[in-house]
Amino acid sequence: MATERNTNDVLKLNVGGKHFVTRRGTLCVVEGSLLEKMFRTDSNFAPATELQGEIFLDRDPMAFGHVLNYLRDGCRLVVDLKDDEAMLQRLRADADYFGLKELVDECAKQLRIIQNNAKAKEAKEAKEAKVMNKMKAYCNDNVYEYEESNKCDIDNHGRGWKMFKIYHDSKGKTKYMFEKVTN
């Protein structure tokens, strides 16, 4: 007698060597996805490869853990992966493989944020490096220009000078003011 399948069935999965246990209904949450097609009760897919009583999926287990949690959490990515670009790329690839379009889109959105933040940080660092490579000191009508300075106090001009003000002029250029320190 064949065992009848239903959405409450508990399934044991082996994904890339890691073991997962979930309900058939969880895997079938996204209609039209590969997981739904594979595990729905009336599936026409050939039976998945079984390995010691577990259904074997040859995918990345770390990414699949996020996929499974996405399905369990109402199709929302609740884990913060904004600092893990490599995992987001892997998750996007697996979401694409499983036909989870909304998860693909969410990963792509977070990857764009990471890339935009990296570009903004790079631009800021380049601007700061440019400013630090050529500083001008305005003091008592004298202009002192310093190259390759990474310090706020200017020892390469002579002792006794300190930076006391950083401001932006009317053209938006950053200016540094120095004063003579008297003892």
C-alpha atoms as a PDB file:
ATOM      1  CA  MET A   1       0.000   0.000   0.000  1.00  0.00           C
ATOM      2  CA  ALA A   2       1.428   3.383  -1.026  1.00  0.00           C
ATOM      3  CA  THR A   3       1.851   6.011   1.653  1.00  0.00           C
ATOM      4  CA  GLU A   4      -0.331   9.054   1.015  1.00  0.00           C
ATOM      5  CA  ARG A   5       1.572  12.344   0.983  1.00  0.00           C
ATOM      6  CA  ASN A   6       0.254  15.540   2.559  1.00  0.00           C
ATOM      7  CA  THR A   7       1.578  19.010   3.369  1.00  0.00           C
ATOM      8  CA  ASN A   8       2.113  18.144   7.045  1.00  0.00           C
ATOM      9  CA  ASP A   9       4.560  15.365   6.215  1.00  0.00           C
ATOM     10  CA  VAL A  10       7.906  15.863   7.919  1.00  0.00           C
ATOM     11  CA  LEU A  11      10.758  15.529   5.444  1.00  0.00           C
ATOM     12  CA  LYS A  12      14.396  14.855   6.167  1.00  0.00           C
ATOM     13  CA  LEU A  13      16.741  16.578   3.737  1.00  0.00           C
ATOM     14  CA  ASN A  14      20.449  16.219   3.175  1.00  0.00           C
ATOM     15  CA  VAL A  15      21.656  19.394   1.466  1.00  0.00           C
ATOM     16  CA  GLY A  16      25.314  19.284   0.562  1.00  0.00           C
ATOM     17  CA  GLY A  17      25.992  17.015   3.538  1.00  0.00           C
ATOM     18  CA  LYS A  18      24.039  19.028   6.132  1.00  0.00           C
ATOM     19  CA  HIS A  19      20.808  17.649   7.547  1.00  0.00           C
ATOM     20  CA  PHE A  20      17.557  19.618   7.594  1.00  0.00           C
ATOM     21  CA  VAL A  21      14.110  18.651   8.834  1.00  0.00           C
ATOM     22  CA  THR A  22      11.024  20.523   7.678  1.00  0.00           C
ATOM     23  CA  ARG A  23       7.430  20.067   6.600  1.00  0.00           C
ATOM     24  CA  ARG A  24       6.445  19.432   3.003  1.00  0.00           C
ATOM     25  CA  GLY A  25       4.162  22.486   3.220  1.00  0.00           C
ATOM     26  CA  THR A  26       7.117  24.758   4.034  1.00  0.00           C
ATOM     27  CA  LEU A  27       8.922  23.685   0.869  1.00  0.00           C
ATOM     28  CA  CYS A  28       5.741  24.288  -1.148  1.00  0.00           C
ATOM     29  CA  VAL A  29       5.023  27.829   0.077  1.00  0.00           C
ATOM     30  CA  VAL A  30       6.080  29.575  -3.156  1.00  0.00           C
ATOM     31  CA  GLU A  31       3.785  28.465  -5.930  1.00  0.00           C
ATOM     32  CA  GLY A  32       5.621  27.645  -9.155  1.00  0.00           C
ATOM     33  CA  SER A  33       9.022  27.339  -7.478  1.00  0.00           C
ATOM     34  CA  LEU A  34      11.210  24.316  -8.120  1.00  0.00           C
ATOM     35  CA  LEU A  35      10.820  23.273  -4.482  1.00  0.00           C
ATOM     36  CA  GLU A  36       7.031  23.420  -4.769  1.00  0.00           C
ATOM     37  CA  LYS A  37       7.144  21.400  -7.980  1.00  0.00           C
ATOM     38  CA  MET A  38       9.444  18.818  -6.408  1.00  0.00           C
ATOM     39  CA  PHE A  39       7.607  18.364  -3.108  1.00  0.00           C
ATOM     40  CA  ARG A  40       3.912  19.068  -3.677  1.00  0.00           C
ATOM     41  CA  THR A  41       1.708  16.095  -2.959  1.00  0.00           C
ATOM     42  CA  ASP A  42       0.731  15.590  -6.619  1.00  0.00           C
ATOM     43  CA  SER A  43       4.231  16.155  -8.018  1.00  0.00           C
ATOM     44  CA  ASN A  44       5.100  14.611 -11.360  1.00  0.00           C
ATOM     45  CA  PHE A  45       8.820  15.042 -10.670  1.00  0.00           C
ATOM     46  CA  ALA A  46      10.834  11.873 -10.499  1.00  0.00           C
ATOM     47  CA  PRO A  47      11.493  10.974  -6.878  1.00  0.00           C
ATOM     48  CA  ALA A  48      14.440  12.869  -5.468  1.00  0.00           C
ATOM     49  CA  THR A  49      17.600  10.940  -4.746  1.00  0.00           C
ATOM     50  CA  GLU A  50      17.352   9.379  -1.311  1.00  0.00           C
ATOM     51  CA  LEU A  51      20.374   8.803   0.845  1.00  0.00           C
ATOM     52  CA  GLN A  52      19.804   6.776   4.018  1.00  0.00           C
ATOM     53  CA  GLY A  53      16.177   7.863   4.256  1.00  0.00           C
ATOM     54  CA  GLU A  54      16.907  11.508   3.489  1.00  0.00           C
ATOM     55  CA  ILE A  55      16.140  13.419   0.315  1.00  0.00           C
ATOM     56  CA  PHE A  56      19.437  14.595  -1.129  1.00  0.00           C
ATOM     57  CA  LEU A  57      19.808  18.050  -2.729  1.00  0.00           C
ATOM     58  CA  ASP A  58      23.201  18.930  -4.159  1.00  0.00           C
ATOM     59  CA  ARG A  59      23.210  22.608  -3.129  1.00  0.00           C
ATOM     60  CA  ASP A  60      25.128  24.830  -0.724  1.00  0.00           C
ATOM     61  CA  PRO A  61      23.913  24.003   2.807  1.00  0.00           C
ATOM     62  CA  MET A  62      24.616  27.468   4.258  1.00  0.00           C
ATOM     63  CA  ALA A  63      22.561  29.180   1.562  1.00  0.00           C
ATOM     64  CA  PHE A  64      19.835  26.533   1.801  1.00  0.00           C
ATOM     65  CA  GLY A  65      19.492  27.246   5.517  1.00  0.00           C
ATOM     66  CA  HIS A  66      18.652  30.850   4.603  1.00  0.00           C
ATOM     67  CA  VAL A  67      16.272  29.658   1.867  1.00  0.00           C
ATOM     68  CA  LEU A  68      14.473  27.416   4.346  1.00  0.00           C
ATOM     69  CA  ASN A  69      14.207  30.209   6.931  1.00  0.00           C
ATOM     70  CA  TYR A  70      12.901  32.537   4.206  1.00  0.00           C
ATOM     71  CA  LEU A  71      10.135  30.034   3.457  1.00  0.00           C
ATOM     72  CA  ARG A  72       9.401  29.506   7.164  1.00  0.00           C
ATOM     73  CA  ASP A  73       9.243  33.258   7.871  1.00  0.00           C
ATOM     74  CA  GLY A  74       6.481  34.123   5.435  1.00  0.00           C
ATOM     75  CA  CYS A  75       8.810  34.687   2.491  1.00  0.00           C
ATOM     76  CA  ARG A  76      10.742  37.415   4.274  1.00  0.00           C
ATOM     77  CA  LEU A  77      14.511  37.551   4.600  1.00  0.00           C
ATOM     78  CA  VAL A  78      14.795  38.308   8.304  1.00  0.00           C
ATOM     79  CA  VAL A  79      18.512  37.666   8.693  1.00  0.00           C
ATOM     80  CA  ASP A  80      20.832  40.646   8.130  1.00  0.00           C
ATOM     81  CA  LEU A  81      23.373  39.736   5.464  1.00  0.00           C
ATOM     82  CA  LYS A  82      24.409  43.278   4.499  1.00  0.00           C
ATOM     83  CA  ASP A  83      27.945  42.604   5.743  1.00  0.00           C
ATOM     84  CA  ASP A  84      28.299  39.266   3.938  1.00  0.00           C
ATOM     85  CA  GLU A  85      28.437  39.932   0.209  1.00  0.00           C
ATOM     86  CA  ALA A  86      29.672  36.422  -0.606  1.00  0.00           C
ATOM     87  CA  MET A  87      26.712  34.786   1.189  1.00  0.00           C
ATOM     88  CA  LEU A  88      24.261  37.154  -0.504  1.00  0.00           C
ATOM     89  CA  GLN A  89      25.674  36.176  -3.898  1.00  0.00           C
ATOM     90  CA  ARG A  90      25.465  32.472  -3.039  1.00  0.00           C
ATOM     91  CA  LEU A  91      21.925  32.898  -1.680  1.00  0.00           C
ATOM     92  CA  ARG A  92      20.864  34.817  -4.793  1.00  0.00           C
ATOM     93  CA  ALA A  93      22.226  31.999  -6.991  1.00  0.00           C
ATOM     94  CA  ASP A  94      20.375  29.325  -5.002  1.00  0.00           C
ATOM     95  CA  ALA A  95      17.179  31.392  -4.870  1.00  0.00           C
ATOM     96  CA  ASP A  96      17.401  31.700  -8.643  1.00  0.00           C
ATOM     97  CA  TYR A  97      17.964  27.939  -8.961  1.00  0.00           C
ATOM     98  CA  PHE A  98      14.895  27.217  -6.832  1.00  0.00           C
ATOM     99  CA  GLY A  99      12.767  29.815  -8.673  1.00  0.00           C
ATOM    100  CA  LEU A 100      12.275  32.104  -5.675  1.00  0.00           C
ATOM    101  CA  LYS A 101      12.048  35.391  -7.607  1.00  0.00           C
ATOM    102  CA  GLU A 102      11.233  37.634  -4.633  1.00  0.00           C
ATOM    103  CA  LEU A 103      14.241  36.291  -2.717  1.00  0.00           C
ATOM    104  CA  VAL A 104      16.430  36.844  -5.790  1.00  0.00           C
ATOM    105  CA  ASP A 105      15.176  40.443  -5.932  1.00  0.00           C
ATOM    106  CA  GLU A 106      15.798  41.011  -2.209  1.00  0.00           C
ATOM    107  CA  CYS A 107      19.346  39.667  -2.481  1.00  0.00           C
ATOM    108  CA  ALA A 108      19.991  41.842  -5.541  1.00  0.00           C
ATOM    109  CA  LYS A 109      18.689  44.889  -3.628  1.00  0.00           C
ATOM    110  CA  GLN A 110      20.984  44.196  -0.671  1.00  0.00           C
ATOM    111  CA  LEU A 111      23.942  43.587  -3.001  1.00  0.00           C
ATOM    112  CA  ARG A 112      23.316  46.971  -4.683  1.00  0.00           C
ATOM    113  CA  ILE A 113      23.321  48.629  -1.245  1.00  0.00           C
ATOM    114  CA  ILE A 114      26.646  46.944  -0.393  1.00  0.00           C
ATOM    115  CA  GLN A 115      28.154  48.000  -3.715  1.00  0.00           C
ATOM    116  CA  ASN A 116      26.866  51.583  -3.397  1.00  0.00           C
ATOM    117  CA  ASN A 117      28.220  51.830   0.158  1.00  0.00           C
ATOM    118  CA  ALA A 118      31.590  50.519  -1.029  1.00  0.00           C
ATOM    119  CA  LYS A 119      31.682  53.093  -3.837  1.00  0.00           C
ATOM    120  CA  ALA A 120      30.742  55.907  -1.448  1.00  0.00           C
ATOM    121  CA  LYS A 121      33.404  54.803   1.039  1.00  0.00           C
ATOM    122  CA  GLU A 122      35.996  54.581  -1.729  1.00  0.00           C
ATOM    123  CA  ALA A 123      35.096  58.075  -2.987  1.00  0.00           C
ATOM    124  CA  LYS A 124      35.283  59.496   0.537  1.00  0.00           C
ATOM    125  CA  GLU A 125      38.661  57.868   1.163  1.00  0.00           C
ATOM    126  CA  ALA A 126      39.969  59.164  -2.179  1.00  0.00           C
ATOM    127  CA  LYS A 127      38.775  62.685  -1.335  1.00  0.00           C
ATOM    128  CA  GLU A 128      40.365  62.509   2.128  1.00  0.00           C
ATOM    129  CA  ALA A 129      43.616  61.210   0.648  1.00  0.00           C
ATOM    130  CA  LYS A 130      43.633  64.054  -1.866  1.00  0.00           C
ATOM    131  CA  VAL A 131      43.037  66.596   0.886  1.00  0.00           C
ATOM    132  CA  MET A 132      45.737  65.096   3.092  1.00  0.00           C
ATOM    133  CA  ASN A 133      48.239  64.980   0.223  1.00  0.00           C
ATOM    134  CA  LYS A 134      48.094  68.719  -0.299  1.00  0.00           C
ATOM    135  CA  MET A 135      47.167  70.853   2.670  1.00  0.00           C
ATOM    136  CA  LYS A 136      47.386  74.605   2.828  1.00  0.00           C
ATOM    137  CA  ALA A 137      47.799  76.494   6.040  1.00  0.00           C
ATOM    138  CA  TYR A 138      46.638  80.080   6.177  1.00  0.00           C
ATOM    139  CA  CYS A 139      48.183  82.027   9.028  1.00  0.00           C
ATOM    140  CA  ASN A 140      49.024  85.756   9.245  1.00  0.00           C
ATOM    141  CA  ASP A 141      48.726  86.244   5.472  1.00  0.00           C
ATOM    142  CA  ASN A 142      51.257  83.468   4.859  1.00  0.00           C
ATOM    143  CA  VAL A 143      50.302  80.309   3.007  1.00  0.00           C
ATOM    144  CA  TYR A 144      52.085  77.143   4.020  1.00  0.00           C
ATOM    145  CA  GLU A 145      51.625  74.161   1.742  1.00  0.00           C
ATOM    146  CA  TYR A 146      52.315  70.676   3.010  1.00  0.00           C
ATOM    147  CA  GLU A 147      52.638  67.550   0.891  1.00  0.00           C
ATOM    148  CA  GLU A 148      51.921  63.992   2.052  1.00  0.00           C
ATOM    149  CA  SER A 149      50.938  64.993   5.568  1.00  0.00           C
ATOM    150  CA  ASN A 150      49.039  62.462   7.630  1.00  0.00           C
ATOM    151  CA  LYS A 151      49.259  64.435  10.853  1.00  0.00           C
ATOM    152  CA  CYS A 152      47.206  67.277  12.190  1.00  0.00           C
ATOM    153  CA  ASP A 153      50.210  68.964  13.747  1.00  0.00           C
ATOM    154  CA  ILE A 154      52.713  70.149  11.189  1.00  0.00           C
ATOM    155  CA  ASP A 155      56.173  69.026  12.211  1.00  0.00           C
ATOM    156  CA  ASN A 156      57.580  69.165   8.691  1.00  0.00           C
ATOM    157  CA  HIS A 157      57.278  73.004   8.652  1.00  0.00           C
ATOM    158  CA  GLY A 158      58.714  73.398  12.092  1.00  0.00           C
ATOM    159  CA  ARG A 159      57.654  72.888  15.628  1.00  0.00           C
ATOM    160  CA  GLY A 160      55.084  75.127  17.178  1.00  0.00           C
ATOM    161  CA  TRP A 161      52.242  74.933  14.639  1.00  0.00           C
ATOM    162  CA  LYS A 162      48.932  73.214  15.234  1.00  0.00           C
ATOM    163  CA  MET A 163      45.768  72.892  13.188  1.00  0.00           C
ATOM    164  CA  PHE A 164      42.946  74.690  14.940  1.00  0.00           C
ATOM    165  CA  LYS A 165      40.169  74.836  12.362  1.00  0.00           C
ATOM    166  CA  ILE A 166      38.826  72.853   9.423  1.00  0.00           C
ATOM    167  CA  TYR A 167      36.170  74.556   7.320  1.00  0.00           C
ATOM    168  CA  HIS A 168      34.696  74.693   3.837  1.00  0.00           C
ATOM    169  CA  ASP A 169      35.103  77.892   1.823  1.00  0.00           C
ATOM    170  CA  SER A 170      32.370  79.376  -0.374  1.00  0.00           C
ATOM    171  CA  LYS A 171      33.398  77.082  -3.241  1.00  0.00           C
ATOM    172  CA  GLY A 172      33.060  73.987  -1.055  1.00  0.00           C
ATOM    173  CA  LYS A 173      36.801  73.385  -0.732  1.00  0.00           C
ATOM    174  CA  THR A 174      38.087  72.091   2.567  1.00  0.00           C
ATOM    175  CA  LYS A 175      40.448  74.531   4.303  1.00  0.00           C
ATOM    176  CA  TYR A 176      42.748  73.938   7.239  1.00  0.00           C
ATOM    177  CA  MET A 177      43.849  76.766   9.502  1.00  0.00           C
ATOM    178  CA  PHE A 178      46.976  76.564  11.583  1.00  0.00           C
ATOM    179  CA  GLU A 179      48.193  78.724  14.412  1.00  0.00           C
ATOM    180  CA  LYS A 180      51.568  79.292  15.965  1.00  0.00           C
ATOM    181  CA  VAL A 181      51.734  77.780  19.405  1.00  0.00           C
ATOM    182  CA  THR A 182      53.491  79.967  21.942  1.00  0.00           C
ATOM    183  CA  ASN A 183      54.780  78.676  25.214  1.00  0.00           C
END
